[in-house]
């Protein structure tokens, strides 16, 4: 498995989690000193997806075409 494949898997998992959260939204709450903040979790997933996108873009091969004039 390549690094790009791993990163794509992470991105796919984050998107799947976002789909689940938006399909069944829940309020943020605290119980016995444990807190769950769904808005923070959503922001973290968005950040993860952005990171994955930047990593995948960096790994994408590219070609630079140039022409010299004399």
Protein backbone atom coordinates (compact mmCIF):
# COMPACT_ATOMS: atom_id res chain seq x y z
CA UNK A 1 0.00 0.00 0.00
CA UNK A 2 1.44 3.37 -0.94
CA UNK A 3 1.47 6.57 1.07
CA UNK A 4 -1.07 8.10 -1.32
CA UNK A 5 -3.36 5.10 -0.84
CA UNK A 6 -3.13 5.46 2.94
CA UNK A 7 -3.92 9.16 2.75
CA UNK A 8 -6.87 8.51 0.44
CA UNK A 9 -8.17 5.93 2.93
CA UNK A 10 -7.92 8.46 5.78
CA UNK A 11 -9.79 11.01 3.65
CA UNK A 12 -12.49 8.49 2.74
CA UNK A 13 -12.97 7.56 6.42
CA UNK A 14 -13.23 11.21 7.44
CA UNK A 15 -15.83 11.83 4.74
CA UNK A 16 -17.80 8.77 5.86
CA UNK A 17 -17.77 10.07 9.45
CA UNK A 18 -18.98 13.48 8.25
CA UNK A 19 -21.81 11.82 6.33
CA UNK A 20 -22.87 9.95 9.46
CA UNK A 21 -22.75 13.09 11.62
CA UNK A 22 -24.80 15.15 9.18
CA UNK A 23 -27.31 12.35 8.63
CA UNK A 24 -27.87 11.94 12.39
CA UNK A 25 -26.89 15.24 14.07
CA UNK A 26 -26.42 15.22 17.84
CA UNK A 27 -26.04 18.04 20.35
CA UNK A 28 -22.81 18.65 22.22
CA UNK A 29 -23.02 17.56 25.86
CA UNK A 30 -21.14 16.66 29.04
CA UNK A 31 -21.73 13.69 31.33
CA UNK A 32 -19.73 12.87 34.46
CA UNK A 33 -16.84 15.09 33.40
CA UNK A 34 -16.67 13.73 29.82
CA UNK A 35 -17.57 16.16 27.05
CA UNK A 36 -18.59 15.52 23.46
CA UNK A 37 -18.52 18.44 21.07
CA UNK A 38 -19.88 17.48 17.67
CA UNK A 39 -19.05 20.88 16.17
CA UNK A 40 -15.40 20.49 17.20
CA UNK A 41 -15.39 16.94 15.84
CA UNK A 42 -16.82 18.16 12.52
CA UNK A 43 -14.15 20.88 12.34
CA UNK A 44 -11.44 18.28 13.02
CA UNK A 45 -12.79 16.06 10.23
CA UNK A 46 -12.79 19.03 7.84
CA UNK A 47 -9.21 19.80 8.83
CA UNK A 48 -8.23 16.18 8.24
CA UNK A 49 -9.78 16.24 4.76
CA UNK A 50 -7.95 19.47 3.91
CA UNK A 51 -4.67 17.95 5.10
CA UNK A 52 -5.30 14.85 2.99
CA UNK A 53 -6.04 17.00 -0.05
CA UNK A 54 -2.80 18.94 0.37
CA UNK A 55 -0.78 15.74 0.82
CA UNK A 56 -2.36 14.11 -2.22
CA UNK A 57 -1.75 17.22 -4.31
CA UNK A 58 1.89 17.28 -3.23
CA UNK A 59 2.32 13.66 -4.31
CA UNK A 60 0.70 14.16 -7.69
CA UNK A 61 3.35 14.15 -10.40
CA UNK A 62 3.46 17.20 -12.61
CA UNK A 63 5.29 18.38 -15.66
CA UNK A 64 6.65 21.83 -16.34
CA UNK A 65 6.87 22.82 -19.99
CA UNK A 66 9.14 25.71 -20.79
CA UNK A 67 10.69 27.21 -23.83
CA UNK A 68 13.88 29.21 -24.06
CA UNK A 69 14.21 32.17 -26.38
CA UNK A 70 17.59 33.27 -27.68
